[in-house]
Protein backbone atom coordinates (compact mmCIF):
# COMPACT_ATOMS: atom_id res chain seq x y z
CA MET A 1 93.01 130.69 43.26
CA ARG A 2 89.51 130.44 41.90
CA PRO A 3 88.62 127.16 40.12
CA PHE A 4 86.78 126.91 36.80
CA PHE A 5 83.37 125.30 36.35
CA VAL A 6 83.45 123.63 32.93
CA TYR A 7 80.40 122.15 31.25
CA GLY A 8 81.24 121.62 27.58
CA THR A 9 84.33 120.94 25.50
CA LEU A 10 86.64 121.50 28.50
CA LYS A 11 85.24 118.55 30.48
CA ARG A 12 87.29 115.36 30.78
CA GLY A 13 86.97 113.33 27.60
CA GLN A 14 85.92 116.32 25.49
CA SER A 15 87.91 117.93 22.67
CA ASN A 16 89.50 120.85 24.51
CA TYR A 17 90.30 119.08 27.78
CA ALA A 18 93.39 117.26 26.46
CA ARG A 19 94.61 120.42 24.72
CA LEU A 20 94.17 122.91 27.56
CA LEU A 21 93.56 121.27 30.95
CA ALA A 22 95.08 117.77 31.03
CA GLY A 23 98.07 117.81 33.37
CA GLN A 24 97.35 121.39 34.48
CA THR A 25 94.95 120.66 37.36
CA VAL A 26 95.33 119.60 40.98
CA SER A 27 91.73 118.42 41.24
CA GLU A 28 88.76 117.74 38.98
CA THR A 29 85.45 117.35 40.80
CA PRO A 30 81.88 116.76 39.60
CA ALA A 31 79.81 119.93 40.08
CA TRP A 32 76.44 121.34 39.09
CA LEU A 33 74.76 124.71 38.70
CA PRO A 34 71.04 124.92 39.50
CA GLY A 35 69.06 127.65 37.78
CA ALA A 36 71.07 127.44 34.57
CA ALA A 37 70.55 125.91 31.12
CA LEU A 38 72.59 124.91 28.09
CA TYR A 39 71.91 125.81 24.46
CA THR A 40 73.82 125.01 21.28
CA ALA A 41 73.88 125.57 17.55
CA GLY A 42 76.93 123.46 16.81
CA PRO A 43 80.09 122.03 18.32
CA TYR A 44 79.96 123.76 21.72
CA PRO A 45 77.36 124.81 24.31
CA PHE A 46 76.39 128.13 25.87
CA LEU A 47 75.39 128.36 29.53
CA VAL A 48 72.68 130.88 30.41
CA ARG A 49 71.11 132.03 33.67
CA ALA A 50 68.63 134.63 32.38
CA VAL A 51 65.23 133.84 33.88
CA ASP A 52 63.44 133.97 30.52
CA LEU A 53 65.85 131.38 29.04
CA VAL A 54 66.01 128.83 31.88
CA PRO A 55 63.13 126.36 32.19
CA PRO A 56 61.98 125.74 35.78
CA GLY A 57 64.12 123.17 37.57
CA SER A 58 66.97 123.31 35.05
CA THR A 59 70.47 122.43 36.21
CA VAL A 60 73.76 122.31 34.29
CA PHE A 61 76.16 119.50 35.17
CA GLY A 62 79.90 119.83 34.74
CA GLU A 63 83.23 119.68 36.53
CA LEU A 64 85.11 121.97 38.87
CA MET A 65 88.71 122.29 37.67
CA GLU A 66 91.32 123.52 40.13
CA VAL A 67 94.37 124.58 38.14
CA ALA A 68 97.85 124.15 39.61
CA PRO A 69 99.13 127.52 40.94
CA ALA A 70 102.19 127.57 38.67
CA GLN A 71 99.95 127.04 35.63
CA TYR A 72 97.06 129.31 36.64
CA GLN A 73 97.84 132.48 34.67
CA PRO A 74 98.84 130.68 31.45
CA VAL A 75 95.74 128.46 31.63
CA LEU A 76 93.50 131.47 32.37
CA ALA A 77 94.87 133.23 29.27
CA LEU A 78 94.31 130.14 27.11
CA LEU A 79 90.75 129.67 28.37
CA ASP A 80 89.91 133.35 27.80
CA GLU A 81 91.23 133.01 24.24
CA LEU A 82 89.28 129.80 23.61
CA GLU A 83 86.06 131.39 24.88
CA ASP A 84 86.65 134.63 22.92
CA PHE A 85 86.57 136.62 26.15
CA MET A 86 88.42 139.84 26.91
CA PRO A 87 87.63 141.76 30.12
CA GLY A 88 85.69 144.94 29.43
CA ARG A 89 85.21 144.27 25.72
CA ALA A 90 81.76 144.59 24.18
CA GLY A 91 80.72 141.70 21.99
CA ASN A 92 82.42 138.86 23.86
CA LEU A 93 81.19 135.44 22.75
CA TYR A 94 81.28 134.39 26.42
CA GLU A 95 81.59 136.39 29.63
CA ARG A 96 83.73 135.08 32.52
CA VAL A 97 81.84 135.57 35.79
CA VAL A 98 82.05 134.31 39.37
CA ILE A 99 79.18 131.98 40.26
CA THR A 100 78.64 129.67 43.21
CA VAL A 101 78.37 126.08 42.00
CA GLN A 102 77.48 122.97 43.98
CA THR A 103 79.71 119.99 44.74
CA ALA A 104 79.30 116.89 46.91
CA THR A 105 81.26 118.68 49.65
CA GLY A 106 79.31 121.95 49.46
CA PRO A 107 79.12 125.18 47.46
CA ARG A 108 82.20 126.67 45.78
CA GLU A 109 82.80 129.94 43.98
CA ALA A 110 84.14 129.40 40.48
CA TRP A 111 84.83 131.17 37.23
CA VAL A 112 82.14 130.25 34.72
CA TYR A 113 82.07 131.21 31.05
CA VAL A 114 78.46 132.17 30.33
CA ALA A 115 76.82 133.16 27.06
CA GLY A 116 77.54 136.69 25.95
CA ALA A 117 74.75 139.08 24.94
CA GLY A 118 74.89 138.04 21.27
CA ALA A 119 74.40 134.37 22.11
CA GLU A 120 71.54 135.17 24.48
CA GLU A 121 69.86 137.17 21.72
CA ALA A 122 70.30 134.25 19.29
CA ILE A 123 68.60 131.99 21.85
CA ARG A 124 65.69 134.41 22.17
CA GLN A 125 65.38 134.42 18.36
CA GLY A 126 65.19 130.62 18.33
CA ARG A 127 68.51 130.09 16.54
CA LEU A 128 70.00 127.86 19.26
CA ARG A 129 68.45 124.70 20.66
CA PHE A 130 67.95 123.83 24.31
CA ILE A 131 69.99 120.89 25.66
CA ALA A 132 67.60 118.91 27.85
CA GLY A 133 69.09 117.44 31.01
CA GLY A 134 71.90 119.99 31.33
CA VAL A 135 74.66 117.61 30.16
CA TRP A 136 76.88 118.28 27.15
């Protein structure tokens, strides 16, 4: 089953980790995503990969969460709900996409919730601020 790369409120020690991921994973590994950037306008970040929104050399740092097989589908549904994502729906706050992230043991494919079109447009309009250093 595909792991999740988390970079914001789902990381260990953040507000949604205890609610949605604690006790549901078989491994939690530091990971990073080169060529990506974080932006925010409030209590959670948006990850973007659009060339015009990512400063040169930007990397986002997070964690690779491998969910226990018996919990995978329920956790996937909860994460999709949290991120306001529904497959095939226009206007998702986030989109869930497969991206290769880096770990100390090599690259891994993971689900990543990236900014939806509306959030990207808000960034282009200057309504969200860049998070320097790629750490939430």
